[in-house]
Amino acid sequence: MSSTKIIQKEYTYSIKEYEEIFKILNENLINHNNMWISQQPGIHLYNLKKTYVKNVITEKDDEIFIIDQQFYDYMTRYKNELIYLYAQIIGLIKELFNCNIIGRIKNEESILKKFKRKKLNKTVLFQLIKSSMIY
């Protein structure tokens, strides 16, 4: 749902510095996810590596599909929380490395279009977290 790009024009970072930056990104994401999950009592949690598009999308006809409301709410809440994580990481990387990073959180329309494309392929199961194909 999100991507990050490192931009710095005046300084070249060493492999060690890149490793530290990626470690910070990874650790912050893991900590954020664990905290977010712990704050979701009574909410169905999705294992996005084991949940397939076909499990959260129902096809009404060739042009219209319906996304499971429970999953939609889950996705929306998580995506909204990513804004705070993103701001935290930007500040931390800037403070520690004097490096500006930019990124984006995928917009809802883009996510829904991808679901529709994946749903139209009836011979392949697509996992939600990545576009790996399982026949």
N, C-alpha and C. Protein backbone atom coordinates (compact mmCIF):
# COMPACT_ATOMS: atom_id res chain seq x y z
N MET A 1 0.79 -1.19 0.00
CA MET A 1 0.00 0.00 0.00
C MET A 1 0.85 1.27 0.00
N SER A 2 2.09 1.08 0.36
CA SER A 2 2.93 2.28 0.38
C SER A 2 4.28 1.96 -0.23
N SER A 3 4.97 3.01 -0.66
CA SER A 3 6.32 2.86 -1.18
C SER A 3 7.12 4.07 -0.75
N THR A 4 8.43 3.90 -0.70
CA THR A 4 9.30 4.97 -0.25
C THR A 4 10.49 5.07 -1.19
N LYS A 5 10.92 6.28 -1.45
CA LYS A 5 12.08 6.54 -2.31
C LYS A 5 13.01 7.49 -1.57
N ILE A 6 14.30 7.18 -1.59
CA ILE A 6 15.27 8.02 -0.91
C ILE A 6 15.84 9.02 -1.90
N ILE A 7 15.82 10.30 -1.54
CA ILE A 7 16.32 11.35 -2.42
C ILE A 7 17.35 12.17 -1.67
N GLN A 8 18.51 12.27 -2.22
CA GLN A 8 19.55 13.11 -1.65
C GLN A 8 20.49 13.48 -2.79
N LYS A 9 20.66 14.76 -3.07
CA LYS A 9 21.46 15.20 -4.21
C LYS A 9 22.91 15.45 -3.87
N GLU A 10 23.21 15.84 -2.63
CA GLU A 10 24.54 16.32 -2.31
C GLU A 10 25.41 15.31 -1.59
N TYR A 11 24.91 14.15 -1.28
CA TYR A 11 25.67 13.21 -0.48
C TYR A 11 25.40 11.79 -0.96
N THR A 12 26.44 11.00 -1.03
CA THR A 12 26.28 9.59 -1.38
C THR A 12 26.39 8.78 -0.10
N TYR A 13 25.43 7.92 0.13
CA TYR A 13 25.40 7.13 1.34
C TYR A 13 26.14 5.82 1.15
N SER A 14 26.78 5.37 2.21
CA SER A 14 27.49 4.09 2.18
C SER A 14 26.49 2.95 2.30
N ILE A 15 26.94 1.75 1.98
CA ILE A 15 26.10 0.57 2.13
C ILE A 15 25.64 0.44 3.58
N LYS A 16 26.51 0.71 4.52
CA LYS A 16 26.17 0.63 5.94
C LYS A 16 25.05 1.62 6.29
N GLU A 17 25.12 2.82 5.76
CA GLU A 17 24.07 3.81 6.02
C GLU A 17 22.74 3.38 5.40
N TYR A 18 22.80 2.84 4.18
CA TYR A 18 21.57 2.32 3.57
C TYR A 18 20.99 1.18 4.40
N GLU A 19 21.86 0.31 4.89
CA GLU A 19 21.40 -0.79 5.74
C GLU A 19 20.69 -0.25 6.98
N GLU A 20 21.25 0.79 7.59
CA GLU A 20 20.65 1.40 8.77
C GLU A 20 19.29 2.03 8.44
N ILE A 21 19.22 2.70 7.31
CA ILE A 21 17.96 3.32 6.90
C ILE A 21 16.89 2.25 6.69
N PHE A 22 17.23 1.18 5.98
CA PHE A 22 16.26 0.11 5.74
C PHE A 22 15.90 -0.62 7.03
N LYS A 23 16.85 -0.74 7.94
CA LYS A 23 16.56 -1.35 9.24
C LYS A 23 15.54 -0.50 9.99
N ILE A 24 15.73 0.81 9.97
CA ILE A 24 14.79 1.72 10.63
C ILE A 24 13.40 1.59 9.99
N LEU A 25 13.35 1.57 8.67
CA LEU A 25 12.06 1.43 7.98
C LEU A 25 11.37 0.13 8.40
N ASN A 26 12.11 -0.96 8.37
CA ASN A 26 11.55 -2.27 8.69
C ASN A 26 11.10 -2.36 10.15
N GLU A 27 11.96 -1.93 11.07
CA GLU A 27 11.62 -2.01 12.49
C GLU A 27 10.42 -1.13 12.83
N ASN A 28 10.36 0.05 12.24
CA ASN A 28 9.22 0.93 12.50
C ASN A 28 7.93 0.34 11.95
N LEU A 29 7.99 -0.28 10.79
CA LEU A 29 6.80 -0.90 10.21
C LEU A 29 6.34 -2.06 11.08
N ILE A 30 7.26 -2.91 11.51
CA ILE A 30 6.89 -4.05 12.36
C ILE A 30 6.29 -3.56 13.68
N ASN A 31 6.94 -2.60 14.32
CA ASN A 31 6.42 -2.06 15.59
C ASN A 31 5.05 -1.43 15.40
N HIS A 32 4.90 -0.67 14.32
CA HIS A 32 3.62 -0.03 14.03
C HIS A 32 2.53 -1.08 13.82
N ASN A 33 2.82 -2.10 13.02
CA ASN A 33 1.83 -3.14 12.75
C ASN A 33 1.43 -3.87 14.02
N ASN A 34 2.41 -4.22 14.85
CA ASN A 34 2.10 -4.91 16.11
C ASN A 34 1.22 -4.04 17.00
N MET A 35 1.54 -2.75 17.10
CA MET A 35 0.75 -1.85 17.91
C MET A 35 -0.66 -1.70 17.33
N TRP A 36 -0.75 -1.53 16.02
CA TRP A 36 -2.04 -1.36 15.37
C TRP A 36 -2.92 -2.59 15.59
N ILE A 37 -2.33 -3.76 15.40
CA ILE A 37 -3.10 -5.01 15.59
C ILE A 37 -3.60 -5.12 17.02
N SER A 38 -2.76 -4.76 17.99
CA SER A 38 -3.16 -4.86 19.40
C SER A 38 -4.30 -3.90 19.74
N GLN A 39 -4.49 -2.87 18.93
CA GLN A 39 -5.54 -1.89 19.17
C GLN A 39 -6.82 -2.19 18.38
N GLN A 40 -6.93 -3.41 17.87
CA GLN A 40 -8.09 -3.78 17.07
C GLN A 40 -8.89 -4.90 17.74
N PRO A 41 -9.30 -4.73 19.00
CA PRO A 41 -10.03 -5.81 19.68
C PRO A 41 -11.37 -6.09 18.99
N GLY A 42 -11.65 -7.37 18.87
CA GLY A 42 -12.93 -7.77 18.29
C GLY A 42 -13.01 -7.62 16.78
N ILE A 43 -11.94 -7.19 16.16
CA ILE A 43 -11.93 -7.01 14.70
C ILE A 43 -11.28 -8.23 14.05
N HIS A 44 -11.89 -8.73 13.00
CA HIS A 44 -11.29 -9.83 12.27
C HIS A 44 -9.98 -9.35 11.65
N LEU A 45 -8.89 -10.05 11.94
CA LEU A 45 -7.59 -9.70 11.38
C LEU A 45 -7.32 -10.59 10.18
N TYR A 46 -6.82 -9.99 9.12
CA TYR A 46 -6.54 -10.71 7.88
C TYR A 46 -5.06 -11.01 7.78
N ASN A 47 -4.73 -12.24 7.47
CA ASN A 47 -3.36 -12.59 7.12
C ASN A 47 -3.25 -12.30 5.63
N LEU A 48 -2.62 -11.18 5.29
CA LEU A 48 -2.63 -10.72 3.90
C LEU A 48 -1.78 -11.59 2.98
N LYS A 49 -0.95 -12.45 3.55
CA LYS A 49 -0.17 -13.38 2.73
C LYS A 49 -0.98 -14.63 2.42
N LYS A 50 -2.03 -14.89 3.20
CA LYS A 50 -2.81 -16.10 3.00
C LYS A 50 -4.23 -15.82 2.55
N THR A 51 -4.60 -14.57 2.47
CA THR A 51 -5.94 -14.19 2.01
C THR A 51 -5.85 -13.87 0.52
N TYR A 52 -6.76 -14.44 -0.24
CA TYR A 52 -6.76 -14.23 -1.68
C TYR A 52 -7.81 -13.20 -2.07
N VAL A 53 -7.58 -12.56 -3.19
CA VAL A 53 -8.52 -11.56 -3.69
C VAL A 53 -9.92 -12.16 -3.78
N LYS A 54 -10.03 -13.39 -4.24
CA LYS A 54 -11.35 -14.02 -4.39
C LYS A 54 -12.09 -14.16 -3.06
N ASN A 55 -11.35 -14.09 -1.91
CA ASN A 55 -11.98 -14.20 -0.60
C ASN A 55 -12.58 -12.90 -0.10
N VAL A 56 -12.24 -11.79 -0.71
CA VAL A 56 -12.75 -10.49 -0.25
C VAL A 56 -13.52 -9.74 -1.33
N ILE A 57 -13.60 -10.32 -2.50
CA ILE A 57 -14.30 -9.70 -3.63
C ILE A 57 -15.38 -10.65 -4.13
N THR A 58 -16.58 -10.13 -4.35
CA THR A 58 -17.65 -10.90 -4.96
C THR A 58 -18.00 -10.21 -6.26
N GLU A 59 -18.07 -11.00 -7.31
CA GLU A 59 -18.38 -10.44 -8.62
C GLU A 59 -19.89 -10.40 -8.80
N LYS A 60 -20.41 -9.20 -9.05
CA LYS A 60 -21.84 -9.05 -9.30
C LYS A 60 -22.14 -9.36 -10.76
N ASP A 61 -21.33 -8.80 -11.63
CA ASP A 61 -21.36 -9.13 -13.06
C ASP A 61 -19.97 -8.80 -13.61
N ASP A 62 -19.80 -8.81 -14.92
CA ASP A 62 -18.48 -8.58 -15.51
C ASP A 62 -17.91 -7.20 -15.21
N GLU A 63 -18.75 -6.24 -14.96
CA GLU A 63 -18.30 -4.87 -14.73
C GLU A 63 -18.31 -4.44 -13.27
N ILE A 64 -19.10 -5.11 -12.46
CA ILE A 64 -19.27 -4.67 -11.07
C ILE A 64 -18.83 -5.77 -10.11
N PHE A 65 -18.07 -5.37 -9.10
CA PHE A 65 -17.72 -6.31 -8.05
C PHE A 65 -17.97 -5.65 -6.71
N ILE A 66 -18.14 -6.47 -5.70
CA ILE A 66 -18.42 -5.97 -4.36
C ILE A 66 -17.29 -6.42 -3.45
N ILE A 67 -16.73 -5.47 -2.72
CA ILE A 67 -15.67 -5.81 -1.76
C ILE A 67 -16.32 -6.06 -0.41
N ASP A 68 -15.86 -7.09 0.27
CA ASP A 68 -16.35 -7.43 1.59
C ASP A 68 -16.24 -6.22 2.52
N GLN A 69 -17.34 -5.81 3.14
CA GLN A 69 -17.36 -4.60 3.98
C GLN A 69 -16.38 -4.70 5.15
N GLN A 70 -16.29 -5.87 5.74
CA GLN A 70 -15.38 -6.05 6.88
C GLN A 70 -13.93 -5.85 6.43
N PHE A 71 -13.58 -6.39 5.27
CA PHE A 71 -12.23 -6.21 4.76
C PHE A 71 -11.99 -4.75 4.35
N TYR A 72 -12.97 -4.15 3.72
CA TYR A 72 -12.86 -2.75 3.30
C TYR A 72 -12.59 -1.83 4.50
N ASP A 73 -13.34 -2.05 5.58
CA ASP A 73 -13.14 -1.25 6.79
C ASP A 73 -11.75 -1.48 7.37
N TYR A 74 -11.33 -2.73 7.38
CA TYR A 74 -9.99 -3.09 7.88
C TYR A 74 -8.91 -2.38 7.06
N MET A 75 -9.01 -2.47 5.75
CA MET A 75 -8.05 -1.85 4.84
C MET A 75 -8.02 -0.33 5.03
N THR A 76 -9.18 0.27 5.15
CA THR A 76 -9.27 1.72 5.30
C THR A 76 -8.64 2.18 6.61
N ARG A 77 -8.95 1.49 7.70
CA ARG A 77 -8.35 1.85 8.99
C ARG A 77 -6.83 1.73 8.94
N TYR A 78 -6.34 0.64 8.38
CA TYR A 78 -4.90 0.42 8.31
C TYR A 78 -4.23 1.49 7.44
N LYS A 79 -4.81 1.76 6.30
CA LYS A 79 -4.25 2.75 5.38
C LYS A 79 -4.21 4.13 6.04
N ASN A 80 -5.22 4.48 6.78
CA ASN A 80 -5.24 5.77 7.46
C ASN A 80 -4.16 5.86 8.53
N GLU A 81 -3.87 4.77 9.20
CA GLU A 81 -2.81 4.75 10.22
C GLU A 81 -1.42 4.86 9.60
N LEU A 82 -1.27 4.45 8.36
CA LEU A 82 0.04 4.54 7.70
C LEU A 82 0.53 5.98 7.58
N ILE A 83 -0.40 6.92 7.55
CA ILE A 83 -0.03 8.34 7.46
C ILE A 83 0.83 8.72 8.66
N TYR A 84 0.46 8.26 9.85
CA TYR A 84 1.23 8.57 11.05
C TYR A 84 2.59 7.89 11.04
N LEU A 85 2.62 6.65 10.60
CA LEU A 85 3.90 5.93 10.50
C LEU A 85 4.82 6.64 9.52
N TYR A 86 4.29 7.03 8.40
CA TYR A 86 5.05 7.71 7.37
C TYR A 86 5.69 9.00 7.91
N ALA A 87 4.90 9.79 8.61
CA ALA A 87 5.41 11.04 9.19
C ALA A 87 6.51 10.76 10.21
N GLN A 88 6.33 9.75 11.02
CA GLN A 88 7.32 9.38 12.02
C GLN A 88 8.64 8.98 11.36
N ILE A 89 8.56 8.16 10.34
CA ILE A 89 9.77 7.67 9.66
C ILE A 89 10.49 8.81 8.95
N ILE A 90 9.75 9.67 8.28
CA ILE A 90 10.37 10.80 7.58
C ILE A 90 11.18 11.65 8.56
N GLY A 91 10.59 11.95 9.71
CA GLY A 91 11.28 12.75 10.71
C GLY A 91 12.51 12.06 11.27
N LEU A 92 12.40 10.79 11.54
CA LEU A 92 13.52 10.04 12.11
C LEU A 92 14.69 9.93 11.14
N ILE A 93 14.42 9.63 9.89
CA ILE A 93 15.48 9.52 8.88
C ILE A 93 16.14 10.89 8.66
N LYS A 94 15.35 11.92 8.63
CA LYS A 94 15.88 13.28 8.47
C LYS A 94 16.80 13.63 9.65
N GLU A 95 16.36 13.31 10.86
CA GLU A 95 17.14 13.62 12.05
C GLU A 95 18.45 12.82 12.11
N LEU A 96 18.39 11.54 11.81
CA LEU A 96 19.56 10.68 11.96
C LEU A 96 20.55 10.78 10.81
N PHE A 97 20.04 10.97 9.59
CA PHE A 97 20.91 10.90 8.41
C PHE A 97 20.91 12.18 7.58
N ASN A 98 20.14 13.17 8.02
CA ASN A 98 19.98 14.39 7.23
C ASN A 98 19.60 14.04 5.79
N CYS A 99 18.67 13.13 5.69
CA CYS A 99 18.25 12.60 4.39
C CYS A 99 16.75 12.81 4.25
N ASN A 100 16.34 13.29 3.10
CA ASN A 100 14.92 13.45 2.81
C ASN A 100 14.43 12.23 2.05
N ILE A 101 13.39 11.62 2.56
CA ILE A 101 12.77 10.52 1.82
C ILE A 101 11.35 10.92 1.46
N ILE A 102 10.89 10.38 0.37
CA ILE A 102 9.51 10.62 -0.04
C ILE A 102 8.85 9.27 -0.27
N GLY A 103 7.58 9.24 -0.19
CA GLY A 103 6.85 8.01 -0.40
C GLY A 103 5.41 8.32 -0.70
N ARG A 104 4.64 7.28 -0.79
CA ARG A 104 3.21 7.48 -1.02
C ARG A 104 2.44 6.32 -0.41
N ILE A 105 1.23 6.58 -0.10
CA ILE A 105 0.31 5.55 0.33
C ILE A 105 -0.71 5.43 -0.79
N LYS A 106 -0.84 4.23 -1.32
CA LYS A 106 -1.73 4.02 -2.46
C LYS A 106 -3.13 4.52 -2.16
N ASN A 107 -3.70 5.22 -3.14
CA ASN A 107 -5.05 5.70 -2.92
C ASN A 107 -6.07 4.58 -3.11
N GLU A 108 -7.22 4.77 -2.54
CA GLU A 108 -8.26 3.75 -2.53
C GLU A 108 -8.66 3.31 -3.94
N GLU A 109 -8.80 4.27 -4.83
CA GLU A 109 -9.22 3.95 -6.20
C GLU A 109 -8.22 3.00 -6.87
N SER A 110 -6.94 3.25 -6.67
CA SER A 110 -5.89 2.42 -7.25
C SER A 110 -5.96 0.99 -6.70
N ILE A 111 -6.19 0.87 -5.40
CA ILE A 111 -6.30 -0.45 -4.78
C ILE A 111 -7.51 -1.20 -5.33
N LEU A 112 -8.63 -0.52 -5.44
CA LEU A 112 -9.85 -1.17 -5.93
C LEU A 112 -9.72 -1.58 -7.40
N LYS A 113 -9.05 -0.76 -8.21
CA LYS A 113 -8.83 -1.13 -9.61
C LYS A 113 -7.96 -2.38 -9.72
N LYS A 114 -6.96 -2.47 -8.85
CA LYS A 114 -6.09 -3.65 -8.86
C LYS A 114 -6.89 -4.88 -8.46
N PHE A 115 -7.75 -4.77 -7.45
CA PHE A 115 -8.60 -5.89 -7.06
C PHE A 115 -9.45 -6.35 -8.24
N LYS A 116 -10.02 -5.39 -8.95
CA LYS A 116 -10.89 -5.74 -10.08
C LYS A 116 -10.09 -6.47 -11.16
N ARG A 117 -8.90 -5.98 -11.48
CA ARG A 117 -8.06 -6.65 -12.49
C ARG A 117 -7.73 -8.08 -12.06
N LYS A 118 -7.39 -8.25 -10.80
CA LYS A 118 -7.03 -9.58 -10.30
C LYS A 118 -8.25 -10.50 -10.28
N LYS A 119 -9.39 -9.95 -9.95
CA LYS A 119 -10.60 -10.76 -9.86
C LYS A 119 -11.03 -11.26 -11.24
N LEU A 120 -10.79 -10.47 -12.27
CA LEU A 120 -11.20 -10.86 -13.62
C LEU A 120 -10.42 -12.05 -14.15
N ASN A 121 -9.23 -12.31 -13.62
CA ASN A 121 -8.45 -13.47 -14.02
C ASN A 121 -8.93 -14.66 -13.19
N LYS A 122 -9.77 -15.49 -13.77
CA LYS A 122 -10.44 -16.55 -13.02
C LYS A 122 -9.59 -17.81 -12.86
N THR A 123 -8.47 -17.91 -13.58
CA THR A 123 -7.67 -19.13 -13.51
C THR A 123 -6.54 -19.05 -12.50
N VAL A 124 -6.30 -17.89 -11.94
CA VAL A 124 -5.18 -17.71 -11.02
C VAL A 124 -5.67 -17.12 -9.70
N LEU A 125 -5.14 -17.62 -8.58
CA LEU A 125 -5.45 -17.05 -7.27
C LEU A 125 -4.37 -16.04 -6.92
N PHE A 126 -4.77 -14.84 -6.57
CA PHE A 126 -3.81 -13.80 -6.21
C PHE A 126 -3.89 -13.53 -4.72
N GLN A 127 -2.74 -13.55 -4.07
CA GLN A 127 -2.68 -13.17 -2.67
C GLN A 127 -2.84 -11.67 -2.57
N LEU A 128 -3.39 -11.19 -1.47
CA LEU A 128 -3.59 -9.76 -1.30
C LEU A 128 -2.28 -9.00 -1.16
N ILE A 129 -1.32 -9.56 -0.45
CA ILE A 129 -0.11 -8.81 -0.10
C ILE A 129 0.83 -8.65 -1.29
N LYS A 130 0.76 -9.54 -2.24
CA LYS A 130 1.63 -9.42 -3.41
C LYS A 130 0.93 -10.08 -4.57
N SER A 131 1.47 -9.92 -5.74
CA SER A 131 0.84 -10.48 -6.93
C SER A 131 1.41 -11.84 -7.28
N SER A 132 1.82 -12.59 -6.27
CA SER A 132 2.28 -13.96 -6.53
C SER A 132 1.12 -14.76 -7.09
N MET A 133 1.43 -15.64 -7.99
CA MET A 133 0.39 -16.45 -8.57
C MET A 133 0.47 -17.87 -8.04
N ILE A 134 -0.65 -18.43 -7.64
CA ILE A 134 -0.72 -19.81 -7.21
C ILE A 134 -1.78 -20.48 -8.07
N TYR A 135 -1.40 -21.50 -8.79
CA TYR A 135 -2.33 -22.18 -9.69
C TYR A 135 -3.03 -23.33 -8.98
